[in-house]
C-alpha atoms as a PDB file:
ATOM      1  CA  MET A   1      66.459-118.405  26.225  1.00  0.00           C
ATOM      2  CA  LYS A   2      64.020-116.808  23.543  1.00  0.00           C
ATOM      3  CA  VAL A   3      64.700-117.709  19.886  1.00  0.00           C
ATOM      4  CA  VAL A   4      63.154-116.338  16.701  1.00  0.00           C
ATOM      5  CA  ILE A   5      63.218-118.516  13.686  1.00  0.00           C
ATOM      6  CA  SER A   6      63.047-116.298  10.456  1.00  0.00           C
ATOM      7  CA  ILE A   7      61.932-117.630   7.078  1.00  0.00           C
ATOM      8  CA  PRO A   8      61.919-115.402   3.923  1.00  0.00           C
ATOM      9  CA  ALA A   9      59.402-116.759   1.336  1.00  0.00           C
ATOM     10  CA  TYR A  10      58.463-115.946  -2.140  1.00  0.00           C
ATOM     11  CA  ASN A  11      55.747-118.078  -3.758  1.00  0.00           C
ATOM     12  CA  GLU A  12      56.432-121.077  -1.526  1.00  0.00           C
ATOM     13  CA  GLU A  13      52.861-122.300  -0.858  1.00  0.00           C
ATOM     14  CA  ARG A  14      53.820-125.953  -1.811  1.00  0.00           C
ATOM     15  CA  THR A  15      56.715-126.190   0.920  1.00  0.00           C
ATOM     16  CA  ILE A  16      56.472-123.389   3.697  1.00  0.00           C
ATOM     17  CA  GLY A  17      53.704-125.546   5.471  1.00  0.00           C
ATOM     18  CA  LYS A  18      55.742-128.389   5.683  1.00  0.00           C
ATOM     19  CA  VAL A  19      58.845-126.259   6.760  1.00  0.00           C
ATOM     20  CA  ILE A  20      57.146-124.655   9.690  1.00  0.00           C
ATOM     21  CA  ASP A  21      55.544-128.077  10.903  1.00  0.00           C
ATOM     22  CA  GLU A  22      58.863-129.486  10.710  1.00  0.00           C
ATOM     23  CA  ILE A  23      60.429-126.592  13.024  1.00  0.00           C
ATOM     24  CA  ASN A  24      57.714-126.950  15.253  1.00  0.00           C
ATOM     25  CA  ARG A  25      58.181-130.918  15.661  1.00  0.00           C
ATOM     26  CA  VAL A  26      62.047-130.129  16.493  1.00  0.00           C
ATOM     27  CA  MET A  27      61.738-127.178  18.634  1.00  0.00           C
ATOM     28  CA  LYS A  28      58.834-128.352  20.898  1.00  0.00           C
ATOM     29  CA  ASN A  29      61.123-130.973  21.822  1.00  0.00           C
ATOM     30  CA  SER A  30      63.968-128.663  22.897  1.00  0.00           C
ATOM     31  CA  LYS A  31      64.546-126.476  25.887  1.00  0.00           C
ATOM     32  CA  TYR A  32      64.098-123.260  23.962  1.00  0.00           C
ATOM     33  CA  ARG A  33      61.344-120.706  23.633  1.00  0.00           C
ATOM     34  CA  TYR A  34      60.756-119.905  20.313  1.00  0.00           C
ATOM     35  CA  SER A  35      58.661-118.283  17.549  1.00  0.00           C
ATOM     36  CA  ILE A  36      58.489-118.376  13.794  1.00  0.00           C
ATOM     37  CA  LEU A  37      58.423-115.316  11.538  1.00  0.00           C
ATOM     38  CA  VAL A  38      57.898-115.717   7.905  1.00  0.00           C
ATOM     39  CA  LEU A  39      58.695-112.553   5.815  1.00  0.00           C
ATOM     40  CA  ASN A  40      56.515-112.848   2.836  1.00  0.00           C
ATOM     41  CA  ASP A  41      58.253-111.027  -0.072  1.00  0.00           C
ATOM     42  CA  GLY A  42      55.194-110.063  -2.061  1.00  0.00           C
ATOM     43  CA  SER A  43      53.929-113.791  -3.062  1.00  0.00           C
ATOM     44  CA  ARG A  44      51.367-114.001  -5.448  1.00  0.00           C
ATOM     45  CA  ASP A  45      50.257-117.252  -4.222  1.00  0.00           C
ATOM     46  CA  MET A  46      48.911-118.633  -0.831  1.00  0.00           C
ATOM     47  CA  THR A  47      52.228-118.481   1.008  1.00  0.00           C
ATOM     48  CA  ALA A  48      51.180-116.109   3.685  1.00  0.00           C
ATOM     49  CA  THR A  49      47.844-117.614   4.375  1.00  0.00           C
ATOM     50  CA  ILE A  50      49.489-121.134   4.684  1.00  0.00           C
ATOM     51  CA  ALA A  51      52.134-119.789   7.010  1.00  0.00           C
ATOM     52  CA  LYS A  52      49.515-118.281   9.304  1.00  0.00           C
ATOM     53  CA  LYS A  53      47.482-121.385   9.406  1.00  0.00           C
ATOM     54  CA  HIS A  54      50.582-123.327  10.380  1.00  0.00           C
ATOM     55  CA  GLY A  55      51.204-121.034  13.236  1.00  0.00           C
ATOM     56  CA  ALA A  56      53.969-118.706  12.118  1.00  0.00           C
ATOM     57  CA  LYS A  57      53.815-114.868  12.450  1.00  0.00           C
ATOM     58  CA  VAL A  58      53.527-113.358   8.744  1.00  0.00           C
ATOM     59  CA  VAL A  59      54.963-109.973   7.815  1.00  0.00           C
ATOM     60  CA  SER A  60      54.436-109.206   4.161  1.00  0.00           C
ATOM     61  CA  ASN A  61      56.290-106.815   1.533  1.00  0.00           C
ATOM     62  CA  LYS A  62      53.710-105.109  -0.491  1.00  0.00           C
ATOM     63  CA  ARG A  63      55.710-106.118  -3.689  1.00  0.00           C
ATOM     64  CA  ASN A  64      58.743-108.450  -4.142  1.00  0.00           C
ATOM     65  CA  MET A  65      61.989-106.650  -3.008  1.00  0.00           C
ATOM     66  CA  GLY A  66      64.383-109.215  -3.484  1.00  0.00           C
ATOM     67  CA  LEU A  67      66.719-111.046  -1.059  1.00  0.00           C
ATOM     68  CA  ALA A  68      68.817-108.256   0.445  1.00  0.00           C
ATOM     69  CA  GLU A  69      66.085-105.963   1.153  1.00  0.00           C
ATOM     70  CA  THR A  70      63.857-108.708   2.342  1.00  0.00           C
ATOM     71  CA  PHE A  71      66.674-109.857   4.635  1.00  0.00           C
ATOM     72  CA  ASN A  72      67.284-106.594   6.056  1.00  0.00           C
ATOM     73  CA  ARG A  73      63.468-106.138   6.901  1.00  0.00           C
ATOM     74  CA  GLU A  74      63.489-109.700   8.376  1.00  0.00           C
ATOM     75  CA  MET A  75      66.346-108.425  10.887  1.00  0.00           C
ATOM     76  CA  GLU A  76      64.300-105.269  11.622  1.00  0.00           C
ATOM     77  CA  GLU A  77      61.080-107.524  12.462  1.00  0.00           C
ATOM     78  CA  CYS A  78      63.156-110.118  14.412  1.00  0.00           C
ATOM     79  CA  LEU A  79      64.794-107.530  16.714  1.00  0.00           C
ATOM     80  CA  LYS A  80      61.277-106.225  17.452  1.00  0.00           C
ATOM     81  CA  LEU A  81      60.686-109.668  19.327  1.00  0.00           C
ATOM     82  CA  ASN A  82      63.789-109.053  21.474  1.00  0.00           C
ATOM     83  CA  PRO A  83      65.342-112.470  20.855  1.00  0.00           C
ATOM     84  CA  ASP A  84      68.414-113.907  22.385  1.00  0.00           C
ATOM     85  CA  VAL A  85      69.250-116.029  19.238  1.00  0.00           C
ATOM     86  CA  ILE A  86      67.877-115.475  15.615  1.00  0.00           C
ATOM     87  CA  VAL A  87      67.944-118.565  13.262  1.00  0.00           C
ATOM     88  CA  HIS A  88      67.685-117.969   9.466  1.00  0.00           C
ATOM     89  CA  THR A  89      66.574-120.540   7.198  1.00  0.00           C
ATOM     90  CA  ASP A  90      64.829-121.260   3.836  1.00  0.00           C
ATOM     91  CA  ALA A  91      61.237-121.783   2.831  1.00  0.00           C
ATOM     92  CA  ASP A  92      62.077-124.505   0.310  1.00  0.00           C
ATOM     93  CA  GLY A  93      62.902-127.321   2.879  1.00  0.00           C
ATOM     94  CA  GLN A  94      66.736-127.453   1.866  1.00  0.00           C
ATOM     95  CA  TYR A  95      67.993-127.081   5.433  1.00  0.00           C
ATOM     96  CA  PRO A  96      66.630-129.697   7.999  1.00  0.00           C
ATOM     97  CA  ALA A  97      65.436-128.093  11.101  1.00  0.00           C
ATOM     98  CA  THR A  98      66.940-130.892  13.161  1.00  0.00           C
ATOM     99  CA  TYR A  99      70.196-128.891  13.173  1.00  0.00           C
ATOM    100  CA  ILE A 100      68.495-125.973  14.641  1.00  0.00           C
ATOM    101  CA  PRO A 101      69.130-126.592  18.334  1.00  0.00           C
ATOM    102  CA  GLY A 102      72.698-127.662  17.674  1.00  0.00           C
ATOM    103  CA  MET A 103      73.297-124.309  16.158  1.00  0.00           C
ATOM    104  CA  ILE A 104      71.602-122.412  19.046  1.00  0.00           C
ATOM    105  CA  GLU A 105      73.668-124.172  21.533  1.00  0.00           C
ATOM    106  CA  MET A 106      76.856-123.165  19.672  1.00  0.00           C
ATOM    107  CA  ILE A 107      75.780-119.650  20.277  1.00  0.00           C
ATOM    108  CA  GLU A 108      75.080-120.216  23.852  1.00  0.00           C
ATOM    109  CA  HIS A 109      78.718-121.414  24.055  1.00  0.00           C
ATOM    110  CA  GLY A 110      80.032-118.095  22.907  1.00  0.00           C
ATOM    111  CA  ASN A 111      79.816-117.798  19.196  1.00  0.00           C
ATOM    112  CA  ASP A 112      78.177-115.001  17.550  1.00  0.00           C
ATOM    113  CA  LEU A 113      77.444-116.508  14.205  1.00  0.00           C
ATOM    114  CA  VAL A 114      77.142-120.002  13.351  1.00  0.00           C
ATOM    115  CA  LEU A 115      76.798-121.404   9.655  1.00  0.00           C
ATOM    116  CA  GLY A 116      75.127-124.527   8.705  1.00  0.00           C
ATOM    117  CA  SER A 117      77.806-125.652   6.164  1.00  0.00           C
ATOM    118  CA  ARG A 118      76.744-127.767   3.193  1.00  0.00           C
ATOM    119  CA  PHE A 119      80.253-128.785   2.486  1.00  0.00           C
ATOM    120  CA  ARG A 120      82.111-129.774   5.575  1.00  0.00           C
ATOM    121  CA  LYS A 121      80.783-133.366   5.151  1.00  0.00           C
ATOM    122  CA  GLY A 122      81.650-133.183   1.354  1.00  0.00           C
ATOM    123  CA  ILE A 123      77.923-133.866   0.372  1.00  0.00           C
ATOM    124  CA  TYR A 124      76.300-131.441  -1.904  1.00  0.00           C
ATOM    125  CA  ASN A 125      73.500-131.974  -4.425  1.00  0.00           C
ATOM    126  CA  GLY A 126      73.570-128.860  -6.455  1.00  0.00           C
ATOM    127  CA  SER A 127      75.149-128.461  -9.829  1.00  0.00           C
ATOM    128  CA  PHE A 128      78.814-128.456 -10.437  1.00  0.00           C
ATOM    129  CA  THR A 129      78.739-124.923 -11.560  1.00  0.00           C
ATOM    130  CA  LYS A 130      77.127-123.635  -8.255  1.00  0.00           C
ATOM    131  CA  LYS A 131      79.359-125.991  -6.166  1.00  0.00           C
ATOM    132  CA  LEU A 132      82.530-124.465  -7.845  1.00  0.00           C
ATOM    133  CA  GLY A 133      80.981-121.061  -7.435  1.00  0.00           C
ATOM    134  CA  ASN A 134      80.462-121.659  -3.748  1.00  0.00           C
ATOM    135  CA  ILE A 135      83.822-123.014  -3.258  1.00  0.00           C
ATOM    136  CA  ALA A 136      85.376-120.055  -4.778  1.00  0.00           C
ATOM    137  CA  PHE A 137      83.252-117.824  -2.665  1.00  0.00           C
ATOM    138  CA  ALA A 138      84.522-119.838   0.445  1.00  0.00           C
ATOM    139  CA  PHE A 139      88.142-119.455  -0.654  1.00  0.00           C
ATOM    140  CA  VAL A 140      88.041-115.694  -1.341  1.00  0.00           C
ATOM    141  CA  LEU A 141      86.356-115.071   2.037  1.00  0.00           C
ATOM    142  CA  SER A 142      88.535-117.300   3.947  1.00  0.00           C
ATOM    143  CA  GLN A 143      91.596-115.413   2.721  1.00  0.00           C
ATOM    144  CA  LEU A 144      89.995-112.100   3.557  1.00  0.00           C
ATOM    145  CA  LEU A 145      88.787-113.036   6.802  1.00  0.00           C
ATOM    146  CA  ASN A 146      91.900-114.965   7.701  1.00  0.00           C
ATOM    147  CA  LYS A 147      89.552-117.989   8.734  1.00  0.00           C
ATOM    148  CA  LYS A 148      88.921-121.100   7.310  1.00  0.00           C
ATOM    149  CA  LEU A 149      85.301-121.263   6.037  1.00  0.00           C
ATOM    150  CA  SER A 150      83.616-124.163   3.816  1.00  0.00           C
ATOM    151  CA  ASP A 151      80.353-122.632   3.169  1.00  0.00           C
ATOM    152  CA  THR A 152      79.777-118.712   2.990  1.00  0.00           C
ATOM    153  CA  THR A 153      76.764-118.655   0.772  1.00  0.00           C
ATOM    154  CA  THR A 154      74.503-120.749   3.018  1.00  0.00           C
ATOM    155  CA  GLY A 155      71.256-119.208   4.214  1.00  0.00           C
ATOM    156  CA  PHE A 156      71.095-121.532   7.114  1.00  0.00           C
ATOM    157  CA  ARG A 157      72.539-119.466  10.082  1.00  0.00           C
ATOM    158  CA  ALA A 158      72.240-118.726  13.800  1.00  0.00           C
ATOM    159  CA  PHE A 159      73.378-115.468  15.261  1.00  0.00           C
ATOM    160  CA  THR A 160      72.960-113.027  18.040  1.00  0.00           C
ATOM    161  CA  PRO A 161      71.114-109.752  17.900  1.00  0.00           C
ATOM    162  CA  GLU A 162      74.427-107.849  17.428  1.00  0.00           C
ATOM    163  CA  ILE A 163      75.077-109.590  14.338  1.00  0.00           C
ATOM    164  CA  ALA A 164      71.343-108.828  13.120  1.00  0.00           C
ATOM    165  CA  LYS A 165      71.988-105.175  13.699  1.00  0.00           C
ATOM    166  CA  LEU A 166      74.919-105.001  11.456  1.00  0.00           C
ATOM    167  CA  PRO A 167      74.292-102.827   8.336  1.00  0.00           C
ATOM    168  CA  LEU A 168      74.145-104.610   5.002  1.00  0.00           C
ATOM    169  CA  ILE A 169      74.034-102.831   1.613  1.00  0.00           C
ATOM    170  CA  ASN A 170      74.970-105.409  -0.886  1.00  0.00           C
ATOM    171  CA  ASP A 171      72.402-107.443  -2.894  1.00  0.00           C
ATOM    172  CA  PHE A 172      73.900-110.817  -4.174  1.00  0.00           C
ATOM    173  CA  THR A 173      76.525-110.989  -1.849  1.00  0.00           C
ATOM    174  CA  TYR A 174      74.695-109.895   1.588  1.00  0.00           C
ATOM    175  CA  THR A 175      75.562-113.370   3.099  1.00  0.00           C
ATOM    176  CA  GLN A 176      79.265-112.648   2.525  1.00  0.00           C
ATOM    177  CA  GLU A 177      78.824-109.126   3.821  1.00  0.00           C
ATOM    178  CA  GLN A 178      77.412-110.183   6.944  1.00  0.00           C
ATOM    179  CA  LEU A 179      80.472-112.445   7.541  1.00  0.00           C
ATOM    180  CA  ILE A 180      83.051-109.621   6.446  1.00  0.00           C
ATOM    181  CA  ARG A 181      81.310-107.262   8.784  1.00  0.00           C
ATOM    182  CA  ALA A 182      81.332-109.560  11.690  1.00  0.00           C
ATOM    183  CA  SER A 183      84.839-110.659  11.299  1.00  0.00           C
ATOM    184  CA  ARG A 184      86.054-107.082  11.301  1.00  0.00           C
ATOM    185  CA  LEU A 185      84.191-106.589  14.650  1.00  0.00           C
ATOM    186  CA  LYS A 186      86.312-109.753  15.758  1.00  0.00           C
ATOM    187  CA  MET A 187      82.962-111.393  16.379  1.00  0.00           C
ATOM    188  CA  ARG A 188      83.177-115.413  16.801  1.00  0.00           C
ATOM    189  CA  ILE A 189      82.221-117.384  13.669  1.00  0.00           C
ATOM    190  CA  ALA A 190      81.823-121.091  13.598  1.00  0.00           C
ATOM    191  CA  GLU A 191      80.432-123.691  11.273  1.00  0.00           C
ATOM    192  CA  LEU A 192      78.228-126.653  11.968  1.00  0.00           C
ATOM    193  CA  PRO A 193      78.345-129.462   9.220  1.00  0.00           C
ATOM    194  CA  ILE A 194      74.929-130.433   7.750  1.00  0.00           C
ATOM    195  CA  ASN A 195      73.368-132.744   5.175  1.00  0.00           C
ATOM    196  CA  ALA A 196      71.200-130.299   2.943  1.00  0.00           C
ATOM    197  CA  ARG A 197      68.278-131.777   0.988  1.00  0.00           C
ATOM    198  CA  THR A 198      67.809-131.343  -2.892  1.00  0.00           C
ATOM    199  CA  THR A 199      65.184-129.018  -3.693  1.00  0.00           C
ATOM    200  CA  ARG A 200      63.756-127.134  -6.735  1.00  0.00           C
ATOM    201  CA  GLU A 201      66.014-125.127  -9.129  1.00  0.00           C
ATOM    202  CA  SER A 202      67.101-121.688  -8.011  1.00  0.00           C
ATOM    203  CA  ARG A 203      64.830-118.876  -9.149  1.00  0.00           C
ATOM    204  CA  LEU A 204      67.675-116.292  -8.683  1.00  0.00           C
ATOM    205  CA  PHE A 205      69.417-117.430 -11.996  1.00  0.00           C
ATOM    206  CA  LYS A 206      68.397-118.404 -15.545  1.00  0.00           C
ATOM    207  CA  SER A 207      71.162-120.979 -16.005  1.00  0.00           C
ATOM    208  CA  THR A 208      74.219-122.229 -14.339  1.00  0.00           C
ATOM    209  CA  GLY A 209      76.087-119.947 -16.664  1.00  0.00           C
ATOM    210  CA  SER A 210      74.462-116.739 -15.489  1.00  0.00           C
ATOM    211  CA  TYR A 211      75.232-118.030 -11.862  1.00  0.00           C
ATOM    212  CA  ALA A 212      78.824-118.465 -12.641  1.00  0.00           C
ATOM    213  CA  VAL A 213      79.348-114.958 -14.230  1.00  0.00           C
ATOM    214  CA  LYS A 214      77.423-113.151 -11.489  1.00  0.00           C
ATOM    215  CA  ALA A 215      79.308-115.139  -8.766  1.00  0.00           C
ATOM    216  CA  TRP A 216      82.765-114.315 -10.137  1.00  0.00           C
ATOM    217  CA  VAL A 217      81.635-110.649 -10.849  1.00  0.00           C
ATOM    218  CA  ASN A 218      80.690-110.556  -7.129  1.00  0.00           C
ATOM    219  CA  ILE A 219      83.936-112.123  -6.099  1.00  0.00           C
ATOM    220  CA  LEU A 220      85.878-109.159  -7.613  1.00  0.00           C
ATOM    221  CA  ARG A 221      83.344-106.885  -5.986  1.00  0.00           C
ATOM    222  CA  ILE A 222      84.280-108.270  -2.622  1.00  0.00           C
ATOM    223  CA  TYR A 223      88.068-107.744  -3.326  1.00  0.00           C
ATOM    224  CA  ARG A 224      87.538-104.415  -4.515  1.00  0.00           C
ATOM    225  CA  ASP A 225      85.397-102.997  -1.682  1.00  0.00           C
ATOM    226  CA  TYR A 226      87.184-105.094   1.234  1.00  0.00           C
ATOM    227  CA  ALA A 227      90.761-105.748   0.074  1.00  0.00           C
ATOM    228  CA  PRO A 228      91.316-102.666  -2.537  1.00  0.00           C
ATOM    229  CA  LEU A 229      95.322-102.870  -2.022  1.00  0.00           C
ATOM    230  CA  LYS A 230      95.128-106.637  -3.297  1.00  0.00           C
ATOM    231  CA  PHE A 231      92.545-105.848  -5.934  1.00  0.00           C
ATOM    232  CA  PHE A 232      94.299-103.028  -7.476  1.00  0.00           C
ATOM    233  CA  GLY A 233      97.800-103.876  -6.418  1.00  0.00           C
ATOM    234  CA  ALA A 234      97.393-107.252  -8.486  1.00  0.00           C
ATOM    235  CA  PHE A 235      96.366-105.220 -11.626  1.00  0.00           C
ATOM    236  CA  GLY A 236      99.113-102.589 -11.013  1.00  0.00           C
ATOM    237  CA  ILE A 237     101.931-105.234 -10.652  1.00  0.00           C
ATOM    238  CA  PHE A 238     100.729-106.972 -13.718  1.00  0.00           C
ATOM    239  CA  LEU A 239     100.849-104.023 -15.879  1.00  0.00           C
ATOM    240  CA  PHE A 240     103.960-102.863 -14.218  1.00  0.00           C
ATOM    241  CA  ILE A 241     105.852-106.255 -15.034  1.00  0.00           C
ATOM    242  CA  VAL A 242     104.487-106.139 -18.737  1.00  0.00           C
ATOM    243  CA  GLY A 243     105.955-102.622 -18.941  1.00  0.00           C
ATOM    244  CA  LEU A 244     109.303-103.719 -17.412  1.00  0.00           C
ATOM    245  CA  LEU A 245     109.661-106.698 -19.730  1.00  0.00           C
ATOM    246  CA  LEU A 246     108.827-104.544 -22.870  1.00  0.00           C
ATOM    247  CA  GLY A 247     111.489-101.841 -21.538  1.00  0.00           C
ATOM    248  CA  LEU A 248     114.068-104.757 -21.052  1.00  0.00           C
ATOM    249  CA  LEU A 249     113.280-105.833 -24.699  1.00  0.00           C
ATOM    250  CA  VAL A 250     113.839-102.520 -26.014  1.00  0.00           C
ATOM    251  CA  ILE A 251     116.928-101.945 -24.028  1.00  0.00           C
ATOM    252  CA  TYR A 252     118.243-105.521 -25.349  1.00  0.00           C
ATOM    253  CA  ASN A 253     117.494-104.455 -28.961  1.00  0.00           C
ATOM    254  CA  ILE A 254     119.287-101.108 -28.553  1.00  0.00           C
ATOM    255  CA  LEU A 255     122.313-102.918 -27.314  1.00  0.00           C
ATOM    256  CA  THR A 256     122.542-105.652 -29.928  1.00  0.00           C
ATOM    257  CA  THR A 257     120.875-104.008 -33.059  1.00  0.00           C
ATOM    258  CA  GLY A 258     121.166-100.278 -32.184  1.00  0.00           C
ATOM    259  CA  SER A 259     117.377 -99.867 -32.646  1.00  0.00           C
ATOM    260  CA  ALA A 260     114.800 -99.989 -30.269  1.00  0.00           C
ATOM    261  CA  GLY A 261     112.262-101.999 -32.364  1.00  0.00           C
ATOM    262  CA  GLY A 262     109.811 -99.361 -33.098  1.00  0.00           C
ATOM    263  CA  ILE A 263     108.503 -96.260 -31.353  1.00  0.00           C
ATOM    264  CA  PRO A 264     105.072 -98.001 -30.420  1.00  0.00           C
ATOM    265  CA  ARG A 265     106.913-100.575 -28.372  1.00  0.00           C
ATOM    266  CA  VAL A 266     108.743 -97.920 -26.290  1.00  0.00           C
ATOM    267  CA  ILE A 267     105.351 -95.893 -25.714  1.00  0.00           C
ATOM    268  CA  LEU A 268     103.700 -99.088 -24.781  1.00  0.00           C
ATOM    269  CA  SER A 269     106.412 -99.921 -22.366  1.00  0.00           C
ATOM    270  CA  ALA A 270     106.205 -96.488 -20.768  1.00  0.00           C
ATOM    271  CA  LEU A 271     102.459 -96.394 -20.540  1.00  0.00           C
ATOM    272  CA  SER A 272     102.409 -99.937 -18.982  1.00  0.00           C
ATOM    273  CA  LEU A 273     104.893 -98.992 -16.383  1.00  0.00           C
ATOM    274  CA  ILE A 274     103.276 -95.486 -15.392  1.00  0.00           C
ATOM    275  CA  THR A 275      99.675 -97.137 -15.409  1.00  0.00           C
ATOM    276  CA  GLY A 276     100.846 -99.967 -13.310  1.00  0.00           C
ATOM    277  CA  ILE A 277     102.204 -97.523 -10.739  1.00  0.00           C
ATOM    278  CA  GLN A 278      99.155 -95.113 -10.855  1.00  0.00           C
ATOM    279  CA  ILE A 279      96.986 -98.163 -10.521  1.00  0.00           C
ATOM    280  CA  TRP A 280      98.863 -99.430  -7.457  1.00  0.00           C
ATOM    281  CA  PHE A 281      98.570 -95.947  -5.816  1.00  0.00           C
ATOM    282  CA  PHE A 282      94.926 -95.997  -6.423  1.00  0.00           C
ATOM    283  CA  GLY A 283      94.885 -99.205  -4.401  1.00  0.00           C
ATOM    284  CA  LEU A 284      97.043 -97.809  -1.680  1.00  0.00           C
ATOM    285  CA  LEU A 285      94.637 -94.538  -1.311  1.00  0.00           C
ATOM    286  CA  ALA A 286      91.407 -96.795  -1.371  1.00  0.00           C
ATOM    287  CA  ASP A 287      93.040 -99.024   1.423  1.00  0.00           C
ATOM    288  CA  MET A 288      93.676 -95.871   3.545  1.00  0.00           C
ATOM    289  CA  ILE A 289      90.261 -94.443   2.929  1.00  0.00           C
ATOM    290  CA  LYS A 290      88.676 -97.888   3.803  1.00  0.00           C
ATOM    291  CA  LYS A 291      90.609 -97.922   7.258  1.00  0.00           C
ATOM    292  CA  LYS A 292      89.311 -94.501   8.259  1.00  0.00           C
END
């Protein structure tokens, strides 16, 4: 079985050599034929040079392209090597290479996508805000996919070439999009519990507050794009209930006092009812379009 271990890297000269050496130590004692591919995302340091010295094949972006575009290029380069399994890991050493053979074995046993879950063992060294955001992502994806998942944002995953060929268009949520697309094609998804290491602070967010905001915005986007009936339906039903309650209050006032209690209240009730129904219909139309 041929395995390609793919590592995206941006200014990781301090850790990339250690990560590659660790992978080599683990994989040389396994039964698998493997190669290591480093996708250098426009690093301005010695990342590419060090990766080559430690035996990895290096492909470089001319400039920093970001997570999503780099991941898509990773998949293109990996597929050129005709692998049976692709393993994706990080360049900062967060994910111990010792778990890689186990993930590959799970693919051999019929799974299409295996996630290295940092939360199945209940051990996570990140901030509380990030942990909460990751739990929220996992809950939302579990609801959408009808499958219990504990870590949907992990970058440590093994998968088949068929998974690598899935088109991905989102940026921050590309890890979740891969899960959604795989699930819709009835591909088998599994998790392997891991103990992740504590590494440097994330470069993607200026603060835990910015992470929280972006995480929740993207959770709403996931619902909007992949469960439009639930997304629009919730807003529509909320407005409809508000309009209905206001309407009942107006009727009550008319029956008890002979007055509606003010024209604005009547108008607001009618607008809430009509808007709620319209938004619900928008969700219905979006859901029909999505399924075509």
